[in-house]
Amino acid sequence: MTQGAKRWKVPKGHVYVLDDICKGCGFCIEYCPRKVLAQSEHFNAKGYHPPEVVDPDACVMCGFCELVCPDFAIWTEKETAEVKDAA
């Protein structure tokens, strides 16, 4: 790394999908810049294939999946760092 270059800390967290609400439109899969999601093989209660998280470590918590979901069936949650008591 060159001197003076900044290192960026990439946020980590979890992606959650509400399978029974999802209608399988695939917008979240299409717009994920890191290809974290893929269409699952199983059917939900509506008969659609909801997305599944296939590469959770690649997720950068950009939130595109949340923004494009017309059914609000997907959301991300950033990991919180544990604060240890100094006592």
PDB file of N, CA and C in Angstrom:
ATOM      1  N   MET A   1       0.847  -1.174   0.000  1.00  0.00           N
ATOM      2  CA  MET A   1       0.000   0.000   0.000  1.00  0.00           C
ATOM      3  C   MET A   1       0.891   1.235   0.000  1.00  0.00           C
ATOM      4  N   THR A   2       0.504   2.229  -0.756  1.00  0.00           N
ATOM      5  CA  THR A   2       1.294   3.449  -0.826  1.00  0.00           C
ATOM      6  C   THR A   2       1.101   4.270   0.432  1.00  0.00           C
ATOM      7  N   GLN A   3       2.111   5.041   0.752  1.00  0.00           N
ATOM      8  CA  GLN A   3       2.042   5.852   1.954  1.00  0.00           C
ATOM      9  C   GLN A   3       0.961   6.920   1.801  1.00  0.00           C
ATOM     10  N   GLY A   4       0.198   7.107   2.845  1.00  0.00           N
ATOM     11  CA  GLY A   4      -0.858   8.101   2.828  1.00  0.00           C
ATOM     12  C   GLY A   4      -2.181   7.595   2.278  1.00  0.00           C
ATOM     13  N   ALA A   5      -2.195   6.387   1.715  1.00  0.00           N
ATOM     14  CA  ALA A   5      -3.448   5.829   1.189  1.00  0.00           C
ATOM     15  C   ALA A   5      -4.335   5.394   2.347  1.00  0.00           C
ATOM     16  N   LYS A   6      -5.610   5.662   2.220  1.00  0.00           N
ATOM     17  CA  LYS A   6      -6.563   5.286   3.267  1.00  0.00           C
ATOM     18  C   LYS A   6      -7.071   3.876   3.024  1.00  0.00           C
ATOM     19  N   ARG A   7      -7.288   3.166   4.094  1.00  0.00           N
ATOM     20  CA  ARG A   7      -7.915   1.850   4.016  1.00  0.00           C
ATOM     21  C   ARG A   7      -9.373   2.029   4.407  1.00  0.00           C
ATOM     22  N   TRP A   8     -10.253   1.493   3.599  1.00  0.00           N
ATOM     23  CA  TRP A   8     -11.678   1.611   3.855  1.00  0.00           C
ATOM     24  C   TRP A   8     -12.162   0.383   4.600  1.00  0.00           C
ATOM     25  N   LYS A   9     -12.969   0.601   5.601  1.00  0.00           N
ATOM     26  CA  LYS A   9     -13.560  -0.509   6.339  1.00  0.00           C
ATOM     27  C   LYS A   9     -14.922  -0.787   5.714  1.00  0.00           C
ATOM     28  N   VAL A  10     -15.086  -1.989   5.195  1.00  0.00           N
ATOM     29  CA  VAL A  10     -16.331  -2.379   4.542  1.00  0.00           C
ATOM     30  C   VAL A  10     -17.299  -2.873   5.607  1.00  0.00           C
ATOM     31  N   PRO A  11     -18.511  -2.307   5.661  1.00  0.00           N
ATOM     32  CA  PRO A  11     -19.470  -2.762   6.668  1.00  0.00           C
ATOM     33  C   PRO A  11     -19.894  -4.201   6.416  1.00  0.00           C
ATOM     34  N   LYS A  12     -20.103  -4.917   7.477  1.00  0.00           N
ATOM     35  CA  LYS A  12     -20.564  -6.303   7.393  1.00  0.00           C
ATOM     36  C   LYS A  12     -21.905  -6.408   8.103  1.00  0.00           C
ATOM     37  N   GLY A  13     -22.652  -7.428   7.749  1.00  0.00           N
ATOM     38  CA  GLY A  13     -23.941  -7.632   8.382  1.00  0.00           C
ATOM     39  C   GLY A  13     -24.639  -8.841   7.812  1.00  0.00           C
ATOM     40  N   HIS A  14     -25.960  -8.799   7.848  1.00  0.00           N
ATOM     41  CA  HIS A  14     -26.766  -9.930   7.406  1.00  0.00           C
ATOM     42  C   HIS A  14     -27.869  -9.458   6.466  1.00  0.00           C
ATOM     43  N   VAL A  15     -28.233 -10.319   5.540  1.00  0.00           N
ATOM     44  CA  VAL A  15     -29.344 -10.066   4.622  1.00  0.00           C
ATOM     45  C   VAL A  15     -30.454 -11.037   4.999  1.00  0.00           C
ATOM     46  N   TYR A  16     -31.656 -10.510   5.172  1.00  0.00           N
ATOM     47  CA  TYR A  16     -32.802 -11.328   5.550  1.00  0.00           C
ATOM     48  C   TYR A  16     -33.871 -11.247   4.468  1.00  0.00           C
ATOM     49  N   VAL A  17     -34.506 -12.377   4.190  1.00  0.00           N
ATOM     50  CA  VAL A  17     -35.576 -12.447   3.194  1.00  0.00           C
ATOM     51  C   VAL A  17     -36.814 -13.031   3.856  1.00  0.00           C
ATOM     52  N   LEU A  18     -37.943 -12.351   3.696  1.00  0.00           N
ATOM     53  CA  LEU A  18     -39.224 -12.880   4.159  1.00  0.00           C
ATOM     54  C   LEU A  18     -39.801 -13.702   3.016  1.00  0.00           C
ATOM     55  N   ASP A  19     -39.527 -14.999   3.046  1.00  0.00           N
ATOM     56  CA  ASP A  19     -39.897 -15.888   1.937  1.00  0.00           C
ATOM     57  C   ASP A  19     -41.376 -15.829   1.581  1.00  0.00           C
ATOM     58  N   ASP A  20     -42.248 -15.798   2.575  1.00  0.00           N
ATOM     59  CA  ASP A  20     -43.682 -15.869   2.295  1.00  0.00           C
ATOM     60  C   ASP A  20     -44.256 -14.582   1.714  1.00  0.00           C
ATOM     61  N   ILE A  21     -43.526 -13.484   1.808  1.00  0.00           N
ATOM     62  CA  ILE A  21     -43.987 -12.218   1.234  1.00  0.00           C
ATOM     63  C   ILE A  21     -43.436 -12.031  -0.181  1.00  0.00           C
ATOM     64  N   CYS A  22     -42.286 -12.598  -0.453  1.00  0.00           N
ATOM     65  CA  CYS A  22     -41.603 -12.438  -1.741  1.00  0.00           C
ATOM     66  C   CYS A  22     -42.430 -13.017  -2.885  1.00  0.00           C
ATOM     67  N   LYS A  23     -42.481 -12.265  -4.002  1.00  0.00           N
ATOM     68  CA  LYS A  23     -43.179 -12.766  -5.189  1.00  0.00           C
ATOM     69  C   LYS A  23     -42.212 -13.197  -6.291  1.00  0.00           C
ATOM     70  N   GLY A  24     -40.930 -13.284  -5.948  1.00  0.00           N
ATOM     71  CA  GLY A  24     -39.944 -13.828  -6.874  1.00  0.00           C
ATOM     72  C   GLY A  24     -39.652 -12.977  -8.086  1.00  0.00           C
ATOM     73  N   CYS A  25     -39.764 -11.661  -7.978  1.00  0.00           N
ATOM     74  CA  CYS A  25     -39.538 -10.792  -9.139  1.00  0.00           C
ATOM     75  C   CYS A  25     -38.076 -10.788  -9.582  1.00  0.00           C
ATOM     76  N   GLY A  26     -37.152 -11.015  -8.642  1.00  0.00           N
ATOM     77  CA  GLY A  26     -35.734 -11.079  -8.984  1.00  0.00           C
ATOM     78  C   GLY A  26     -35.018  -9.745  -9.046  1.00  0.00           C
ATOM     79  N   PHE A  27     -35.694  -8.644  -8.707  1.00  0.00           N
ATOM     80  CA  PHE A  27     -35.036  -7.334  -8.746  1.00  0.00           C
ATOM     81  C   PHE A  27     -33.817  -7.303  -7.823  1.00  0.00           C
ATOM     82  N   CYS A  28     -33.954  -7.873  -6.638  1.00  0.00           N
ATOM     83  CA  CYS A  28     -32.840  -7.852  -5.681  1.00  0.00           C
ATOM     84  C   CYS A  28     -31.636  -8.614  -6.222  1.00  0.00           C
ATOM     85  N   ILE A  29     -31.899  -9.709  -6.898  1.00  0.00           N
ATOM     86  CA  ILE A  29     -30.822 -10.515  -7.482  1.00  0.00           C
ATOM     87  C   ILE A  29     -30.146  -9.741  -8.615  1.00  0.00           C
ATOM     88  N   GLU A  30     -30.951  -9.134  -9.458  1.00  0.00           N
ATOM     89  CA  GLU A  30     -30.447  -8.403 -10.625  1.00  0.00           C
ATOM     90  C   GLU A  30     -29.609  -7.185 -10.232  1.00  0.00           C
ATOM     91  N   TYR A  31     -30.040  -6.452  -9.200  1.00  0.00           N
ATOM     92  CA  TYR A  31     -29.385  -5.196  -8.851  1.00  0.00           C
ATOM     93  C   TYR A  31     -28.288  -5.325  -7.801  1.00  0.00           C
ATOM     94  N   CYS A  32     -28.073  -6.510  -7.253  1.00  0.00           N
ATOM     95  CA  CYS A  32     -27.003  -6.689  -6.267  1.00  0.00           C
ATOM     96  C   CYS A  32     -25.649  -6.561  -6.968  1.00  0.00           C
ATOM     97  N   PRO A  33     -24.853  -5.548  -6.604  1.00  0.00           N
ATOM     98  CA  PRO A  33     -23.581  -5.345  -7.298  1.00  0.00           C
ATOM     99  C   PRO A  33     -22.529  -6.405  -6.982  1.00  0.00           C
ATOM    100  N   ARG A  34     -22.721  -7.158  -5.903  1.00  0.00           N
ATOM    101  CA  ARG A  34     -21.733  -8.150  -5.493  1.00  0.00           C
ATOM    102  C   ARG A  34     -22.211  -9.586  -5.681  1.00  0.00           C
ATOM    103  N   LYS A  35     -23.372  -9.766  -6.291  1.00  0.00           N
ATOM    104  CA  LYS A  35     -23.934 -11.105  -6.569  1.00  0.00           C
ATOM    105  C   LYS A  35     -24.047 -11.955  -5.296  1.00  0.00           C
ATOM    106  N   VAL A  36     -24.577 -11.330  -4.254  1.00  0.00           N
ATOM    107  CA  VAL A  36     -24.772 -11.997  -2.966  1.00  0.00           C
ATOM    108  C   VAL A  36     -25.987 -12.917  -3.010  1.00  0.00           C
ATOM    109  N   LEU A  37     -26.964 -12.568  -3.832  1.00  0.00           N
ATOM    110  CA  LEU A  37     -28.231 -13.301  -3.890  1.00  0.00           C
ATOM    111  C   LEU A  37     -28.356 -14.126  -5.163  1.00  0.00           C
ATOM    112  N   ALA A  38     -29.137 -15.203  -5.052  1.00  0.00           N
ATOM    113  CA  ALA A  38     -29.463 -16.038  -6.210  1.00  0.00           C
ATOM    114  C   ALA A  38     -30.875 -16.577  -6.009  1.00  0.00           C
ATOM    115  N   GLN A  39     -31.498 -16.999  -7.090  1.00  0.00           N
ATOM    116  CA  GLN A  39     -32.836 -17.566  -6.995  1.00  0.00           C
ATOM    117  C   GLN A  39     -32.748 -18.936  -6.330  1.00  0.00           C
ATOM    118  N   SER A  40     -33.606 -19.166  -5.352  1.00  0.00           N
ATOM    119  CA  SER A  40     -33.579 -20.448  -4.644  1.00  0.00           C
ATOM    120  C   SER A  40     -34.307 -21.521  -5.447  1.00  0.00           C
ATOM    121  N   GLU A  41     -34.110 -22.745  -5.054  1.00  0.00           N
ATOM    122  CA  GLU A  41     -34.772 -23.875  -5.702  1.00  0.00           C
ATOM    123  C   GLU A  41     -36.141 -24.158  -5.087  1.00  0.00           C
ATOM    124  N   HIS A  42     -36.343 -23.736  -3.835  1.00  0.00           N
ATOM    125  CA  HIS A  42     -37.607 -24.053  -3.163  1.00  0.00           C
ATOM    126  C   HIS A  42     -38.693 -23.028  -3.491  1.00  0.00           C
ATOM    127  N   PHE A  43     -39.926 -23.431  -3.314  1.00  0.00           N
ATOM    128  CA  PHE A  43     -41.081 -22.566  -3.532  1.00  0.00           C
ATOM    129  C   PHE A  43     -41.550 -22.005  -2.201  1.00  0.00           C
ATOM    130  N   ASN A  44     -42.039 -20.758  -2.225  1.00  0.00           N
ATOM    131  CA  ASN A  44     -42.648 -20.205  -1.019  1.00  0.00           C
ATOM    132  C   ASN A  44     -44.145 -20.516  -1.027  1.00  0.00           C
ATOM    133  N   ALA A  45     -44.883 -19.981  -0.068  1.00  0.00           N
ATOM    134  CA  ALA A  45     -46.311 -20.261   0.055  1.00  0.00           C
ATOM    135  C   ALA A  45     -47.106 -19.759  -1.151  1.00  0.00           C
ATOM    136  N   LYS A  46     -46.578 -18.760  -1.856  1.00  0.00           N
ATOM    137  CA  LYS A  46     -47.262 -18.218  -3.034  1.00  0.00           C
ATOM    138  C   LYS A  46     -46.891 -18.964  -4.315  1.00  0.00           C
ATOM    139  N   GLY A  47     -45.941 -19.881  -4.223  1.00  0.00           N
ATOM    140  CA  GLY A  47     -45.519 -20.644  -5.393  1.00  0.00           C
ATOM    141  C   GLY A  47     -44.380 -20.021  -6.169  1.00  0.00           C
ATOM    142  N   TYR A  48     -43.688 -19.059  -5.562  1.00  0.00           N
ATOM    143  CA  TYR A  48     -42.565 -18.386  -6.211  1.00  0.00           C
ATOM    144  C   TYR A  48     -41.239 -18.873  -5.631  1.00  0.00           C
ATOM    145  N   HIS A  49     -40.177 -18.638  -6.379  1.00  0.00           N
ATOM    146  CA  HIS A  49     -38.825 -18.929  -5.897  1.00  0.00           C
ATOM    147  C   HIS A  49     -38.250 -17.645  -5.294  1.00  0.00           C
ATOM    148  N   PRO A  50     -38.177 -17.545  -3.974  1.00  0.00           N
ATOM    149  CA  PRO A  50     -37.584 -16.347  -3.366  1.00  0.00           C
ATOM    150  C   PRO A  50     -36.061 -16.376  -3.500  1.00  0.00           C
ATOM    151  N   PRO A  51     -35.408 -15.248  -3.294  1.00  0.00           N
ATOM    152  CA  PRO A  51     -33.945 -15.247  -3.354  1.00  0.00           C
ATOM    153  C   PRO A  51     -33.358 -15.916  -2.120  1.00  0.00           C
ATOM    154  N   GLU A  52     -32.118 -16.349  -2.261  1.00  0.00           N
ATOM    155  CA  GLU A  52     -31.387 -16.859  -1.108  1.00  0.00           C
ATOM    156  C   GLU A  52     -30.002 -16.234  -1.108  1.00  0.00           C
ATOM    157  N   VAL A  53     -29.440 -16.111   0.066  1.00  0.00           N
ATOM    158  CA  VAL A  53     -28.109 -15.541   0.202  1.00  0.00           C
ATOM    159  C   VAL A  53     -27.094 -16.637  -0.110  1.00  0.00           C
ATOM    160  N   VAL A  54     -26.304 -16.433  -1.160  1.00  0.00           N
ATOM    161  CA  VAL A  54     -25.327 -17.444  -1.572  1.00  0.00           C
ATOM    162  C   VAL A  54     -23.886 -17.056  -1.245  1.00  0.00           C
ATOM    163  N   ASP A  55     -23.636 -15.770  -1.024  1.00  0.00           N
ATOM    164  CA  ASP A  55     -22.280 -15.318  -0.701  1.00  0.00           C
ATOM    165  C   ASP A  55     -22.348 -14.176   0.315  1.00  0.00           C
ATOM    166  N   PRO A  56     -22.666 -14.491   1.575  1.00  0.00           N
ATOM    167  CA  PRO A  56     -22.857 -13.432   2.568  1.00  0.00           C
ATOM    168  C   PRO A  56     -21.610 -12.594   2.827  1.00  0.00           C
ATOM    169  N   ASP A  57     -20.431 -13.168   2.667  1.00  0.00           N
ATOM    170  CA  ASP A  57     -19.198 -12.416   2.913  1.00  0.00           C
ATOM    171  C   ASP A  57     -18.940 -11.340   1.864  1.00  0.00           C
ATOM    172  N   ALA A  58     -19.575 -11.446   0.714  1.00  0.00           N
ATOM    173  CA  ALA A  58     -19.393 -10.456  -0.352  1.00  0.00           C
ATOM    174  C   ALA A  58     -20.268  -9.217  -0.146  1.00  0.00           C
ATOM    175  N   CYS A  59     -21.260  -9.313   0.714  1.00  0.00           N
ATOM    176  CA  CYS A  59     -22.201  -8.204   0.918  1.00  0.00           C
ATOM    177  C   CYS A  59     -21.503  -7.013   1.562  1.00  0.00           C
ATOM    178  N   VAL A  60     -21.737  -5.822   1.002  1.00  0.00           N
ATOM    179  CA  VAL A  60     -21.159  -4.585   1.525  1.00  0.00           C
ATOM    180  C   VAL A  60     -22.230  -3.670   2.105  1.00  0.00           C
ATOM    181  N   MET A  61     -23.407  -4.219   2.352  1.00  0.00           N
ATOM    182  CA  MET A  61     -24.509  -3.486   2.982  1.00  0.00           C
ATOM    183  C   MET A  61     -24.893  -2.226   2.204  1.00  0.00           C
ATOM    184  N   CYS A  62     -24.899  -2.318   0.885  1.00  0.00           N
ATOM    185  CA  CYS A  62     -25.242  -1.152   0.065  1.00  0.00           C
ATOM    186  C   CYS A  62     -26.736  -0.829   0.148  1.00  0.00           C
ATOM    187  N   GLY A  63     -27.554  -1.851   0.400  1.00  0.00           N
ATOM    188  CA  GLY A  63     -28.986  -1.635   0.550  1.00  0.00           C
ATOM    189  C   GLY A  63     -29.775  -1.607  -0.741  1.00  0.00           C
ATOM    190  N   PHE A  64     -29.141  -1.875  -1.878  1.00  0.00           N
ATOM    191  CA  PHE A  64     -29.875  -1.871  -3.148  1.00  0.00           C
ATOM    192  C   PHE A  64     -31.027  -2.866  -3.127  1.00  0.00           C
ATOM    193  N   CYS A  65     -30.790  -4.041  -2.541  1.00  0.00           N
ATOM    194  CA  CYS A  65     -31.839  -5.065  -2.511  1.00  0.00           C
ATOM    195  C   CYS A  65     -33.083  -4.544  -1.790  1.00  0.00           C
ATOM    196  N   GLU A  66     -32.880  -3.811  -0.707  1.00  0.00           N
ATOM    197  CA  GLU A  66     -34.005  -3.235   0.034  1.00  0.00           C
ATOM    198  C   GLU A  66     -34.736  -2.184  -0.796  1.00  0.00           C
ATOM    199  N   LEU A  67     -33.974  -1.356  -1.481  1.00  0.00           N
ATOM    200  CA  LEU A  67     -34.563  -0.258  -2.244  1.00  0.00           C
ATOM    201  C   LEU A  67     -35.406  -0.726  -3.423  1.00  0.00           C
ATOM    202  N   VAL A  68     -35.001  -1.807  -4.071  1.00  0.00           N
ATOM    203  CA  VAL A  68     -35.703  -2.235  -5.279  1.00  0.00           C
ATOM    204  C   VAL A  68     -36.823  -3.239  -5.012  1.00  0.00           C
ATOM    205  N   CYS A  69     -36.925  -3.759  -3.800  1.00  0.00           N
ATOM    206  CA  CYS A  69     -37.955  -4.762  -3.505  1.00  0.00           C
ATOM    207  C   CYS A  69     -39.328  -4.099  -3.411  1.00  0.00           C
ATOM    208  N   PRO A  70     -40.245  -4.433  -4.328  1.00  0.00           N
ATOM    209  CA  PRO A  70     -41.571  -3.816  -4.304  1.00  0.00           C
ATOM    210  C   PRO A  70     -42.448  -4.329  -3.162  1.00  0.00           C
ATOM    211  N   ASP A  71     -42.061  -5.427  -2.543  1.00  0.00           N
ATOM    212  CA  ASP A  71     -42.871  -6.018  -1.477  1.00  0.00           C
ATOM    213  C   ASP A  71     -42.247  -5.866  -0.095  1.00  0.00           C
ATOM    214  N   PHE A  72     -41.135  -5.163  -0.001  1.00  0.00           N
ATOM    215  CA  PHE A  72     -40.430  -4.977   1.278  1.00  0.00           C
ATOM    216  C   PHE A  72     -40.150  -6.321   1.948  1.00  0.00           C
ATOM    217  N   ALA A  73     -39.748  -7.294   1.144  1.00  0.00           N
ATOM    218  CA  ALA A  73     -39.530  -8.651   1.633  1.00  0.00           C
ATOM    219  C   ALA A  73     -38.062  -8.943   1.926  1.00  0.00           C
ATOM    220  N   ILE A  74     -37.205  -7.947   1.823  1.00  0.00           N
ATOM    221  CA  ILE A  74     -35.776  -8.161   2.066  1.00  0.00           C
ATOM    222  C   ILE A  74     -35.223  -6.945   2.794  1.00  0.00           C
ATOM    223  N   TRP A  75     -34.319  -7.201   3.724  1.00  0.00           N
ATOM    224  CA  TRP A  75     -33.669  -6.100   4.421  1.00  0.00           C
ATOM    225  C   TRP A  75     -32.289  -6.531   4.891  1.00  0.00           C
ATOM    226  N   THR A  76     -31.469  -5.526   5.174  1.00  0.00           N
ATOM    227  CA  THR A  76     -30.119  -5.785   5.661  1.00  0.00           C
ATOM    228  C   THR A  76     -29.987  -5.221   7.062  1.00  0.00           C
ATOM    229  N   GLU A  77     -29.103  -5.816   7.811  1.00  0.00           N
ATOM    230  CA  GLU A  77     -28.856  -5.365   9.178  1.00  0.00           C
ATOM    231  C   GLU A  77     -27.356  -5.406   9.417  1.00  0.00           C
ATOM    232  N   LYS A  78     -26.776  -4.255   9.727  1.00  0.00           N
ATOM    233  CA  LYS A  78     -25.337  -4.186   9.961  1.00  0.00           C
ATOM    234  C   LYS A  78     -24.987  -4.836  11.290  1.00  0.00           C
ATOM    235  N   GLU A  79     -23.822  -5.491  11.299  1.00  0.00           N
ATOM    236  CA  GLU A  79     -23.323  -6.064  12.546  1.00  0.00           C
ATOM    237  C   GLU A  79     -22.892  -4.929  13.454  1.00  0.00           C
ATOM    238  N   THR A  80     -23.151  -5.091  14.721  1.00  0.00           N
ATOM    239  CA  THR A  80     -22.710  -4.093  15.685  1.00  0.00           C
ATOM    240  C   THR A  80     -21.495  -4.639  16.415  1.00  0.00           C
ATOM    241  N   ALA A  81     -20.523  -3.797  16.587  1.00  0.00           N
ATOM    242  CA  ALA A  81     -19.309  -4.204  17.292  1.00  0.00           C
ATOM    243  C   ALA A  81     -19.604  -4.253  18.783  1.00  0.00           C
ATOM    244  N   GLU A  82     -19.136  -5.300  19.424  1.00  0.00           N
ATOM    245  CA  GLU A  82     -19.333  -5.413  20.862  1.00  0.00           C
ATOM    246  C   GLU A  82     -18.378  -4.467  21.573  1.00  0.00           C
ATOM    247  N   VAL A  83     -18.917  -3.760  22.552  1.00  0.00           N
ATOM    248  CA  VAL A  83     -18.101  -2.863  23.357  1.00  0.00           C
ATOM    249  C   VAL A  83     -17.810  -3.581  24.663  1.00  0.00           C
ATOM    250  N   LYS A  84     -16.533  -3.759  24.952  1.00  0.00           N
ATOM    251  CA  LYS A  84     -16.153  -4.472  26.172  1.00  0.00           C
ATOM    252  C   LYS A  84     -15.928  -3.482  27.298  1.00  0.00           C
ATOM    253  N   ASP A  85     -16.380  -3.858  28.470  1.00  0.00           N
ATOM    254  CA  ASP A  85     -16.226  -3.026  29.658  1.00  0.00           C
ATOM    255  C   ASP A  85     -14.766  -3.052  30.101  1.00  0.00           C
ATOM    256  N   ALA A  86     -14.206  -1.893  30.364  1.00  0.00           N
ATOM    257  CA  ALA A  86     -12.803  -1.793  30.750  1.00  0.00           C
ATOM    258  C   ALA A  86     -12.579  -2.178  32.211  1.00  0.00           C
ATOM    259  N   ALA A  87     -13.634  -2.352  32.973  1.00  0.00           N
ATOM    260  CA  ALA A  87     -13.492  -2.662  34.407  1.00  0.00           C
ATOM    261  C   ALA A  87     -13.069  -4.065  34.671  1.00  0.00           C
TER     262      ALA A  87
END
